[in-house]
Amino acid sequence: MNSDQTWDAIFARLDENIVQLKTKSGFWFTAYVKKGKLYINGATDYSPACDIKRPRPISEKEFTDVFSYYDRWANGTTGIRQIISQKSMSAAYIFALIDLVKK
């Protein structure tokens, strides 16, 4: 799946649902779509929860930028986490959302 297809698949999966996911580093968060926008927030049912205190929107542009690093991140390319964390403070959450629809 390319970036657009993955974005659409995430929206379809989250449609009217709040999903709780875990990042690769073990922190739980919620993801949901509201009024056509994708949001992440701290988890309510699982621990340890991430440190997001209020809903954080994820734009399609931010998603697309992070998506371009996904394969290298998934394959364990050295240094990719540091590079992408400088580009987006939501990268770990976006990668977990990509995993949700790719697996």
N, C-alpha and C. Protein backbone atom coordinates (compact mmCIF):
# COMPACT_ATOMS: atom_id res chain seq x y z
N MET A 1 0.83 -1.19 0.00
CA MET A 1 0.00 0.00 0.00
C MET A 1 0.87 1.25 0.00
N ASN A 2 0.45 2.23 -0.76
CA ASN A 2 1.17 3.50 -0.74
C ASN A 2 0.61 4.37 0.38
N SER A 3 1.13 5.58 0.49
CA SER A 3 0.72 6.49 1.56
C SER A 3 -0.78 6.80 1.54
N ASP A 4 -1.30 7.15 0.36
CA ASP A 4 -2.73 7.48 0.26
C ASP A 4 -3.62 6.30 0.62
N GLN A 5 -3.26 5.12 0.14
CA GLN A 5 -4.05 3.92 0.44
C GLN A 5 -4.00 3.59 1.93
N THR A 6 -2.84 3.76 2.52
CA THR A 6 -2.68 3.48 3.95
C THR A 6 -3.48 4.48 4.78
N TRP A 7 -3.41 5.76 4.41
CA TRP A 7 -4.19 6.80 5.09
C TRP A 7 -5.68 6.46 5.04
N ASP A 8 -6.16 6.09 3.85
CA ASP A 8 -7.57 5.74 3.69
C ASP A 8 -7.94 4.49 4.50
N ALA A 9 -7.03 3.52 4.55
CA ALA A 9 -7.29 2.29 5.31
C ALA A 9 -7.37 2.58 6.81
N ILE A 10 -6.54 3.50 7.29
CA ILE A 10 -6.60 3.88 8.70
C ILE A 10 -7.93 4.54 9.01
N PHE A 11 -8.36 5.46 8.13
CA PHE A 11 -9.65 6.12 8.33
C PHE A 11 -10.79 5.09 8.33
N ALA A 12 -10.74 4.13 7.42
CA ALA A 12 -11.78 3.10 7.35
C ALA A 12 -11.77 2.25 8.63
N ARG A 13 -10.61 1.92 9.12
CA ARG A 13 -10.48 1.09 10.33
C ARG A 13 -10.96 1.82 11.57
N LEU A 14 -10.70 3.12 11.63
CA LEU A 14 -11.05 3.90 12.81
C LEU A 14 -12.45 4.51 12.75
N ASP A 15 -13.12 4.38 11.62
CA ASP A 15 -14.42 5.01 11.44
C ASP A 15 -15.35 4.71 12.61
N GLU A 16 -15.66 5.76 13.36
CA GLU A 16 -16.55 5.68 14.51
C GLU A 16 -16.06 4.74 15.60
N ASN A 17 -14.77 4.49 15.65
CA ASN A 17 -14.18 3.64 16.69
C ASN A 17 -12.99 4.35 17.32
N ILE A 18 -12.82 4.14 18.60
CA ILE A 18 -11.60 4.56 19.27
C ILE A 18 -10.79 3.29 19.46
N VAL A 19 -9.58 3.29 18.93
CA VAL A 19 -8.72 2.12 19.00
C VAL A 19 -7.54 2.44 19.91
N GLN A 20 -7.20 1.49 20.76
CA GLN A 20 -6.03 1.66 21.62
C GLN A 20 -4.91 0.80 21.05
N LEU A 21 -3.76 1.44 20.86
CA LEU A 21 -2.61 0.79 20.23
C LEU A 21 -1.37 0.98 21.09
N LYS A 22 -0.38 0.14 20.84
CA LYS A 22 0.88 0.24 21.57
C LYS A 22 2.00 0.56 20.59
N THR A 23 2.84 1.52 20.96
CA THR A 23 4.01 1.83 20.15
C THR A 23 5.05 0.73 20.33
N LYS A 24 6.04 0.73 19.48
CA LYS A 24 7.09 -0.28 19.57
C LYS A 24 7.86 -0.17 20.89
N SER A 25 7.89 1.04 21.46
CA SER A 25 8.57 1.22 22.75
C SER A 25 7.67 0.89 23.94
N GLY A 26 6.44 0.44 23.68
CA GLY A 26 5.60 -0.08 24.74
C GLY A 26 4.59 0.87 25.37
N PHE A 27 4.41 2.06 24.81
CA PHE A 27 3.46 3.01 25.36
C PHE A 27 2.14 2.94 24.60
N TRP A 28 1.06 2.95 25.35
CA TRP A 28 -0.28 2.85 24.78
C TRP A 28 -0.85 4.22 24.47
N PHE A 29 -1.65 4.28 23.40
CA PHE A 29 -2.32 5.51 23.01
C PHE A 29 -3.63 5.17 22.33
N THR A 30 -4.50 6.16 22.23
CA THR A 30 -5.75 5.99 21.50
C THR A 30 -5.65 6.71 20.16
N ALA A 31 -6.38 6.20 19.20
CA ALA A 31 -6.46 6.84 17.88
C ALA A 31 -7.92 6.81 17.45
N TYR A 32 -8.35 7.90 16.84
CA TYR A 32 -9.73 7.97 16.38
C TYR A 32 -9.86 9.04 15.31
N VAL A 33 -10.96 8.96 14.60
CA VAL A 33 -11.30 9.96 13.57
C VAL A 33 -12.53 10.71 14.06
N LYS A 34 -12.45 12.02 13.98
CA LYS A 34 -13.57 12.87 14.38
C LYS A 34 -13.70 14.01 13.38
N LYS A 35 -14.89 14.13 12.80
CA LYS A 35 -15.16 15.18 11.81
C LYS A 35 -14.11 15.20 10.69
N GLY A 36 -13.76 14.01 10.22
CA GLY A 36 -12.85 13.88 9.10
C GLY A 36 -11.38 14.11 9.42
N LYS A 37 -11.03 14.16 10.70
CA LYS A 37 -9.63 14.36 11.10
C LYS A 37 -9.17 13.22 11.99
N LEU A 38 -7.89 12.88 11.85
CA LEU A 38 -7.28 11.82 12.63
C LEU A 38 -6.65 12.41 13.89
N TYR A 39 -6.94 11.79 15.03
CA TYR A 39 -6.40 12.25 16.31
C TYR A 39 -5.75 11.10 17.07
N ILE A 40 -4.75 11.45 17.88
CA ILE A 40 -4.18 10.53 18.85
C ILE A 40 -4.28 11.17 20.22
N ASN A 41 -4.28 10.33 21.25
CA ASN A 41 -4.37 10.82 22.62
C ASN A 41 -3.84 9.73 23.55
N GLY A 42 -3.69 10.04 24.82
CA GLY A 42 -3.25 9.04 25.77
C GLY A 42 -4.25 7.92 25.92
N ALA A 43 -3.77 6.74 26.25
CA ALA A 43 -4.64 5.58 26.44
C ALA A 43 -5.42 5.71 27.74
N THR A 44 -6.58 5.09 27.77
CA THR A 44 -7.40 5.12 28.97
C THR A 44 -7.50 3.76 29.64
N ASP A 45 -7.31 2.69 28.89
CA ASP A 45 -7.52 1.35 29.44
C ASP A 45 -6.24 0.56 29.66
N TYR A 46 -5.12 1.04 29.14
CA TYR A 46 -3.88 0.28 29.23
C TYR A 46 -2.76 1.14 29.80
N SER A 47 -1.78 0.46 30.34
CA SER A 47 -0.64 1.13 30.96
C SER A 47 0.63 0.39 30.55
N PRO A 48 1.72 1.07 30.36
CA PRO A 48 1.89 2.51 30.53
C PRO A 48 1.33 3.28 29.34
N ALA A 49 0.65 4.37 29.65
CA ALA A 49 0.08 5.22 28.60
C ALA A 49 1.12 6.24 28.16
N CYS A 50 1.00 6.67 26.92
CA CYS A 50 1.89 7.72 26.42
C CYS A 50 1.58 9.02 27.17
N ASP A 51 2.41 10.00 26.97
CA ASP A 51 2.32 11.25 27.72
C ASP A 51 1.57 12.34 26.97
N ILE A 52 0.64 11.97 26.09
CA ILE A 52 -0.16 12.97 25.38
C ILE A 52 -1.31 13.37 26.30
N LYS A 53 -1.38 14.65 26.62
CA LYS A 53 -2.37 15.13 27.59
C LYS A 53 -3.69 15.57 26.97
N ARG A 54 -3.67 15.93 25.69
CA ARG A 54 -4.90 16.33 25.01
C ARG A 54 -4.84 15.83 23.58
N PRO A 55 -5.97 15.70 22.93
CA PRO A 55 -5.98 15.16 21.56
C PRO A 55 -5.02 15.90 20.64
N ARG A 56 -4.24 15.13 19.90
CA ARG A 56 -3.27 15.69 18.96
C ARG A 56 -3.67 15.30 17.54
N PRO A 57 -3.95 16.28 16.70
CA PRO A 57 -4.32 15.95 15.31
C PRO A 57 -3.09 15.50 14.51
N ILE A 58 -3.32 14.58 13.59
CA ILE A 58 -2.29 14.15 12.65
C ILE A 58 -2.77 14.57 11.26
N SER A 59 -2.02 15.45 10.63
CA SER A 59 -2.41 15.90 9.29
C SER A 59 -1.98 14.86 8.25
N GLU A 60 -2.62 14.92 7.10
CA GLU A 60 -2.23 14.01 6.03
C GLU A 60 -0.81 14.28 5.57
N LYS A 61 -0.39 15.53 5.58
CA LYS A 61 0.99 15.87 5.18
C LYS A 61 2.00 15.26 6.17
N GLU A 62 1.74 15.41 7.47
CA GLU A 62 2.63 14.83 8.47
C GLU A 62 2.67 13.31 8.31
N PHE A 63 1.51 12.70 8.11
CA PHE A 63 1.43 11.26 7.91
C PHE A 63 2.27 10.84 6.70
N THR A 64 2.12 11.54 5.59
CA THR A 64 2.85 11.21 4.36
C THR A 64 4.35 11.34 4.57
N ASP A 65 4.77 12.39 5.25
CA ASP A 65 6.20 12.57 5.53
C ASP A 65 6.76 11.42 6.35
N VAL A 66 6.04 11.02 7.39
CA VAL A 66 6.49 9.93 8.25
C VAL A 66 6.41 8.60 7.51
N PHE A 67 5.35 8.41 6.74
CA PHE A 67 5.16 7.17 5.98
C PHE A 67 6.37 6.86 5.10
N SER A 68 6.99 7.88 4.55
CA SER A 68 8.12 7.67 3.64
C SER A 68 9.31 7.00 4.35
N TYR A 69 9.33 6.99 5.67
CA TYR A 69 10.41 6.35 6.44
C TYR A 69 10.01 4.98 6.99
N TYR A 70 8.75 4.62 6.81
CA TYR A 70 8.23 3.42 7.47
C TYR A 70 9.04 2.15 7.15
N ASP A 71 9.27 1.87 5.89
CA ASP A 71 9.96 0.63 5.53
C ASP A 71 11.35 0.56 6.14
N ARG A 72 12.08 1.67 6.12
CA ARG A 72 13.41 1.68 6.73
C ARG A 72 13.32 1.48 8.23
N TRP A 73 12.32 2.09 8.86
CA TRP A 73 12.11 1.92 10.30
C TRP A 73 11.76 0.46 10.60
N ALA A 74 10.83 -0.12 9.85
CA ALA A 74 10.39 -1.50 10.06
C ALA A 74 11.52 -2.50 9.85
N ASN A 75 12.46 -2.16 8.97
CA ASN A 75 13.59 -3.05 8.70
C ASN A 75 14.76 -2.81 9.64
N GLY A 76 14.59 -1.87 10.58
CA GLY A 76 15.63 -1.64 11.59
C GLY A 76 16.83 -0.83 11.11
N THR A 77 16.64 -0.01 10.11
CA THR A 77 17.74 0.81 9.61
C THR A 77 18.31 1.67 10.75
N THR A 78 19.59 1.59 10.94
CA THR A 78 20.26 2.32 12.01
C THR A 78 20.09 3.82 11.83
N GLY A 79 19.72 4.49 12.93
CA GLY A 79 19.63 5.94 12.95
C GLY A 79 18.31 6.52 12.45
N ILE A 80 17.43 5.70 11.92
CA ILE A 80 16.19 6.22 11.32
C ILE A 80 15.27 6.82 12.39
N ARG A 81 15.27 6.25 13.58
CA ARG A 81 14.42 6.79 14.66
C ARG A 81 14.81 8.22 15.00
N GLN A 82 16.10 8.48 15.05
CA GLN A 82 16.56 9.83 15.38
C GLN A 82 16.19 10.82 14.27
N ILE A 83 16.31 10.39 13.04
CA ILE A 83 15.98 11.27 11.90
C ILE A 83 14.50 11.60 11.90
N ILE A 84 13.67 10.60 12.02
CA ILE A 84 12.23 10.84 11.91
C ILE A 84 11.68 11.55 13.15
N SER A 85 12.27 11.32 14.32
CA SER A 85 11.77 12.00 15.52
C SER A 85 12.04 13.50 15.46
N GLN A 86 13.00 13.91 14.65
CA GLN A 86 13.25 15.34 14.45
C GLN A 86 12.22 15.95 13.50
N LYS A 87 11.61 15.14 12.67
CA LYS A 87 10.63 15.62 11.70
C LYS A 87 9.21 15.63 12.25
N SER A 88 8.91 14.72 13.18
CA SER A 88 7.55 14.61 13.72
C SER A 88 7.60 14.07 15.14
N MET A 89 6.91 14.75 16.05
CA MET A 89 6.84 14.24 17.41
C MET A 89 5.78 13.15 17.54
N SER A 90 5.11 12.83 16.45
CA SER A 90 4.08 11.79 16.44
C SER A 90 4.50 10.56 15.64
N ALA A 91 5.76 10.46 15.28
CA ALA A 91 6.22 9.38 14.40
C ALA A 91 5.92 7.99 14.96
N ALA A 92 6.20 7.77 16.24
CA ALA A 92 5.98 6.44 16.83
C ALA A 92 4.50 6.05 16.74
N TYR A 93 3.62 7.01 16.91
CA TYR A 93 2.19 6.75 16.85
C TYR A 93 1.74 6.50 15.42
N ILE A 94 2.31 7.25 14.50
CA ILE A 94 1.98 7.05 13.08
C ILE A 94 2.46 5.67 12.63
N PHE A 95 3.65 5.26 13.04
CA PHE A 95 4.14 3.93 12.69
C PHE A 95 3.21 2.85 13.25
N ALA A 96 2.71 3.02 14.47
CA ALA A 96 1.78 2.04 15.04
C ALA A 96 0.48 2.00 14.25
N LEU A 97 0.02 3.15 13.78
CA LEU A 97 -1.19 3.19 12.95
C LEU A 97 -0.96 2.49 11.61
N ILE A 98 0.21 2.69 11.03
CA ILE A 98 0.54 2.00 9.78
C ILE A 98 0.55 0.50 10.02
N ASP A 99 1.18 0.07 11.11
CA ASP A 99 1.20 -1.36 11.45
C ASP A 99 -0.22 -1.92 11.58
N LEU A 100 -1.13 -1.13 12.13
CA LEU A 100 -2.51 -1.57 12.32
C LEU A 100 -3.14 -2.03 11.01
N VAL A 101 -2.87 -1.35 9.93
CA VAL A 101 -3.52 -1.69 8.66
C VAL A 101 -2.63 -2.52 7.73
N LYS A 102 -1.36 -2.59 8.01
CA LYS A 102 -0.46 -3.37 7.14
C LYS A 102 -0.38 -4.82 7.57
N LYS A 103 -0.74 -5.13 8.80
CA LYS A 103 -0.58 -6.51 9.29
C LYS A 103 -1.91 -7.20 9.39
